[in-house]
Amino acid sequence: MGPDLLSQGLQLMLIGMSTVFSFLIFLVFVTILMSKIVRGMEPEHGAYAQLAVKFGIEESHAQAIAMALEQHAGSGRNENG
């Protein structure tokens, strides 16, 4: 067991750690990009009420549902975490 074996081990460790670090950085950027894409697909203001009326829900109920959904979406609250 000489210094050659130790240097190979350190080299392998650095390559492995660099690979994992690079993959995690890539994952962060992909997640940010997905988040921006999904936010762009969010329905515009008042779309919830129009959709509810389309499915036969009374307009007063549809407006209440729409207000609740918009309030929840704007609260920034996440129940899953």
N, C-alpha and C. Protein backbone atom coordinates (compact mmCIF):
# COMPACT_ATOMS: atom_id res chain seq x y z
N MET A 1 0.84 -1.18 0.00
CA MET A 1 0.00 0.00 0.00
C MET A 1 0.88 1.24 0.00
N GLY A 2 1.07 1.78 -1.14
CA GLY A 2 1.94 2.93 -1.26
C GLY A 2 1.15 4.20 -1.52
N PRO A 3 1.87 5.26 -1.72
CA PRO A 3 1.23 6.55 -1.99
C PRO A 3 0.46 6.54 -3.31
N ASP A 4 0.83 5.64 -4.22
CA ASP A 4 0.13 5.56 -5.50
C ASP A 4 -1.33 5.15 -5.29
N LEU A 5 -1.56 4.18 -4.41
CA LEU A 5 -2.91 3.71 -4.13
C LEU A 5 -3.73 4.80 -3.43
N LEU A 6 -3.12 5.55 -2.55
CA LEU A 6 -3.79 6.64 -1.85
C LEU A 6 -4.18 7.75 -2.82
N SER A 7 -3.28 8.10 -3.73
CA SER A 7 -3.60 9.16 -4.69
C SER A 7 -4.70 8.72 -5.65
N GLN A 8 -4.74 7.43 -6.02
CA GLN A 8 -5.81 6.94 -6.87
C GLN A 8 -7.15 7.01 -6.14
N GLY A 9 -7.14 6.69 -4.85
CA GLY A 9 -8.35 6.76 -4.06
C GLY A 9 -8.87 8.19 -3.94
N LEU A 10 -7.96 9.13 -3.71
CA LEU A 10 -8.37 10.54 -3.63
C LEU A 10 -8.88 11.04 -4.97
N GLN A 11 -8.23 10.62 -6.03
CA GLN A 11 -8.67 11.04 -7.37
C GLN A 11 -10.07 10.49 -7.66
N LEU A 12 -10.31 9.23 -7.34
CA LEU A 12 -11.63 8.63 -7.54
C LEU A 12 -12.68 9.33 -6.70
N MET A 13 -12.34 9.68 -5.47
CA MET A 13 -13.26 10.38 -4.59
C MET A 13 -13.62 11.75 -5.16
N LEU A 14 -12.64 12.48 -5.64
CA LEU A 14 -12.90 13.81 -6.20
C LEU A 14 -13.76 13.73 -7.46
N ILE A 15 -13.49 12.75 -8.31
CA ILE A 15 -14.29 12.59 -9.52
C ILE A 15 -15.73 12.24 -9.15
N GLY A 16 -15.90 11.35 -8.20
CA GLY A 16 -17.25 10.96 -7.78
C GLY A 16 -18.01 12.11 -7.15
N MET A 17 -17.36 12.84 -6.27
CA MET A 17 -18.02 13.97 -5.61
C MET A 17 -18.35 15.07 -6.61
N SER A 18 -17.47 15.31 -7.57
CA SER A 18 -17.74 16.32 -8.60
C SER A 18 -18.92 15.92 -9.47
N THR A 19 -19.01 14.63 -9.79
CA THR A 19 -20.13 14.14 -10.59
C THR A 19 -21.45 14.34 -9.85
N VAL A 20 -21.49 13.98 -8.60
CA VAL A 20 -22.71 14.12 -7.81
C VAL A 20 -23.07 15.60 -7.66
N PHE A 21 -22.09 16.45 -7.38
CA PHE A 21 -22.34 17.88 -7.24
C PHE A 21 -22.89 18.47 -8.54
N SER A 22 -22.29 18.10 -9.67
CA SER A 22 -22.76 18.59 -10.96
C SER A 22 -24.20 18.14 -11.23
N PHE A 23 -24.50 16.89 -10.93
CA PHE A 23 -25.86 16.39 -11.14
C PHE A 23 -26.86 17.15 -10.26
N LEU A 24 -26.51 17.42 -9.02
CA LEU A 24 -27.42 18.14 -8.13
C LEU A 24 -27.65 19.57 -8.60
N ILE A 25 -26.60 20.23 -9.08
CA ILE A 25 -26.77 21.58 -9.62
C ILE A 25 -27.69 21.55 -10.85
N PHE A 26 -27.49 20.57 -11.71
CA PHE A 26 -28.35 20.40 -12.89
C PHE A 26 -29.81 20.19 -12.45
N LEU A 27 -30.02 19.37 -11.41
CA LEU A 27 -31.35 19.10 -10.91
C LEU A 27 -32.02 20.36 -10.36
N VAL A 28 -31.27 21.21 -9.70
CA VAL A 28 -31.82 22.45 -9.17
C VAL A 28 -32.30 23.34 -10.32
N PHE A 29 -31.50 23.48 -11.37
CA PHE A 29 -31.90 24.33 -12.49
C PHE A 29 -33.10 23.76 -13.24
N VAL A 30 -33.17 22.46 -13.40
CA VAL A 30 -34.32 21.84 -14.06
C VAL A 30 -35.58 22.05 -13.23
N THR A 31 -35.47 21.95 -11.91
CA THR A 31 -36.62 22.16 -11.04
C THR A 31 -37.10 23.61 -11.11
N ILE A 32 -36.19 24.55 -11.15
CA ILE A 32 -36.56 25.97 -11.28
C ILE A 32 -37.26 26.21 -12.61
N LEU A 33 -36.73 25.62 -13.67
CA LEU A 33 -37.33 25.77 -14.99
C LEU A 33 -38.74 25.17 -15.02
N MET A 34 -38.91 24.00 -14.45
CA MET A 34 -40.24 23.37 -14.41
C MET A 34 -41.22 24.24 -13.62
N SER A 35 -40.76 24.83 -12.53
CA SER A 35 -41.62 25.68 -11.73
C SER A 35 -42.11 26.88 -12.52
N LYS A 36 -41.21 27.49 -13.29
CA LYS A 36 -41.60 28.64 -14.12
C LYS A 36 -42.58 28.24 -15.21
N ILE A 37 -42.39 27.06 -15.79
CA ILE A 37 -43.29 26.60 -16.84
C ILE A 37 -44.68 26.33 -16.27
N VAL A 38 -44.75 25.69 -15.11
CA VAL A 38 -46.04 25.38 -14.51
C VAL A 38 -46.76 26.65 -14.08
N ARG A 39 -46.04 27.63 -13.56
CA ARG A 39 -46.68 28.90 -13.17
C ARG A 39 -47.25 29.61 -14.39
N GLY A 40 -46.63 29.45 -15.54
CA GLY A 40 -47.13 30.06 -16.76
C GLY A 40 -48.40 29.40 -17.26
N MET A 41 -48.65 28.18 -16.85
CA MET A 41 -49.84 27.45 -17.29
C MET A 41 -51.02 27.65 -16.36
N GLU A 42 -50.84 28.38 -15.28
CA GLU A 42 -51.90 28.61 -14.30
C GLU A 42 -53.04 29.42 -14.95
N PRO A 43 -54.29 29.06 -14.66
CA PRO A 43 -55.41 29.79 -15.27
C PRO A 43 -55.44 31.25 -14.82
N GLU A 44 -55.96 32.08 -15.70
CA GLU A 44 -56.00 33.51 -15.38
C GLU A 44 -57.13 33.82 -14.41
N HIS A 45 -57.15 35.04 -13.92
CA HIS A 45 -58.11 35.48 -12.91
C HIS A 45 -59.54 35.31 -13.43
N GLY A 46 -60.38 34.67 -12.64
CA GLY A 46 -61.78 34.48 -13.01
C GLY A 46 -62.03 33.22 -13.82
N ALA A 47 -61.02 32.52 -14.21
CA ALA A 47 -61.20 31.32 -15.03
C ALA A 47 -61.86 30.20 -14.24
N TYR A 48 -61.65 30.17 -12.92
CA TYR A 48 -62.26 29.12 -12.11
C TYR A 48 -63.78 29.22 -12.14
N ALA A 49 -64.31 30.43 -12.02
CA ALA A 49 -65.77 30.61 -12.01
C ALA A 49 -66.37 30.23 -13.36
N GLN A 50 -65.73 30.61 -14.44
CA GLN A 50 -66.22 30.27 -15.77
C GLN A 50 -66.23 28.76 -15.98
N LEU A 51 -65.22 28.09 -15.50
CA LEU A 51 -65.14 26.64 -15.65
C LEU A 51 -66.21 25.95 -14.81
N ALA A 52 -66.45 26.43 -13.60
CA ALA A 52 -67.46 25.83 -12.73
C ALA A 52 -68.85 25.99 -13.34
N VAL A 53 -69.17 27.17 -13.89
CA VAL A 53 -70.47 27.40 -14.51
C VAL A 53 -70.64 26.48 -15.71
N LYS A 54 -69.57 26.26 -16.42
CA LYS A 54 -69.61 25.38 -17.59
C LYS A 54 -70.02 23.96 -17.20
N PHE A 55 -69.65 23.53 -16.00
CA PHE A 55 -69.98 22.18 -15.55
C PHE A 55 -71.29 22.13 -14.75
N GLY A 56 -72.08 23.18 -14.78
CA GLY A 56 -73.41 23.15 -14.19
C GLY A 56 -73.49 23.53 -12.73
N ILE A 57 -72.49 24.17 -12.19
CA ILE A 57 -72.54 24.63 -10.80
C ILE A 57 -73.14 26.03 -10.80
N GLU A 58 -74.01 26.31 -9.82
CA GLU A 58 -74.65 27.62 -9.75
C GLU A 58 -73.58 28.72 -9.70
N GLU A 59 -73.93 29.88 -10.26
CA GLU A 59 -72.94 30.95 -10.38
C GLU A 59 -72.48 31.46 -9.02
N SER A 60 -73.36 31.53 -8.04
CA SER A 60 -72.95 32.01 -6.71
C SER A 60 -71.97 31.03 -6.06
N HIS A 61 -72.24 29.73 -6.25
CA HIS A 61 -71.32 28.73 -5.73
C HIS A 61 -69.99 28.78 -6.48
N ALA A 62 -70.08 28.97 -7.78
CA ALA A 62 -68.87 29.03 -8.60
C ALA A 62 -67.99 30.21 -8.18
N GLN A 63 -68.62 31.35 -7.89
CA GLN A 63 -67.85 32.51 -7.46
C GLN A 63 -67.20 32.27 -6.10
N ALA A 64 -67.92 31.62 -5.20
CA ALA A 64 -67.36 31.30 -3.88
C ALA A 64 -66.18 30.34 -4.01
N ILE A 65 -66.33 29.35 -4.86
CA ILE A 65 -65.24 28.40 -5.09
C ILE A 65 -64.05 29.11 -5.71
N ALA A 66 -64.31 29.97 -6.68
CA ALA A 66 -63.23 30.71 -7.34
C ALA A 66 -62.49 31.60 -6.35
N MET A 67 -63.23 32.28 -5.49
CA MET A 67 -62.58 33.15 -4.51
C MET A 67 -61.73 32.33 -3.55
N ALA A 68 -62.24 31.18 -3.14
CA ALA A 68 -61.48 30.33 -2.22
C ALA A 68 -60.20 29.81 -2.88
N LEU A 69 -60.31 29.39 -4.14
CA LEU A 69 -59.14 28.90 -4.86
C LEU A 69 -58.10 30.00 -5.07
N GLU A 70 -58.56 31.18 -5.43
CA GLU A 70 -57.63 32.28 -5.65
C GLU A 70 -56.97 32.72 -4.34
N GLN A 71 -57.73 32.69 -3.25
CA GLN A 71 -57.16 33.04 -1.95
C GLN A 71 -56.12 32.00 -1.53
N HIS A 72 -56.44 30.73 -1.76
CA HIS A 72 -55.49 29.67 -1.42
C HIS A 72 -54.22 29.76 -2.28
N ALA A 73 -54.39 30.03 -3.56
CA ALA A 73 -53.23 30.12 -4.46
C ALA A 73 -52.35 31.31 -4.09
N GLY A 74 -52.93 32.36 -3.59
CA GLY A 74 -52.16 33.54 -3.23
C GLY A 74 -51.58 33.51 -1.84
N SER A 75 -51.98 32.53 -1.05
CA SER A 75 -51.53 32.51 0.34
C SER A 75 -50.11 32.01 0.48
N GLY A 76 -49.62 31.25 -0.49
CA GLY A 76 -48.26 30.70 -0.40
C GLY A 76 -48.15 29.57 0.59
N ARG A 77 -49.26 29.06 1.02
CA ARG A 77 -49.29 27.99 2.02
C ARG A 77 -49.17 26.64 1.32
N ASN A 78 -48.34 25.79 1.89
CA ASN A 78 -48.14 24.46 1.33
C ASN A 78 -48.41 23.43 2.41
N GLU A 79 -49.50 22.68 2.29
CA GLU A 79 -49.87 21.72 3.32
C GLU A 79 -49.03 20.47 3.28
N ASN A 80 -48.32 20.21 2.18
CA ASN A 80 -47.57 18.97 2.04
C ASN A 80 -46.18 19.05 2.64
N GLY A 81 -45.76 20.18 3.06
CA GLY A 81 -44.41 20.23 3.57
C GLY A 81 -44.22 21.28 4.51
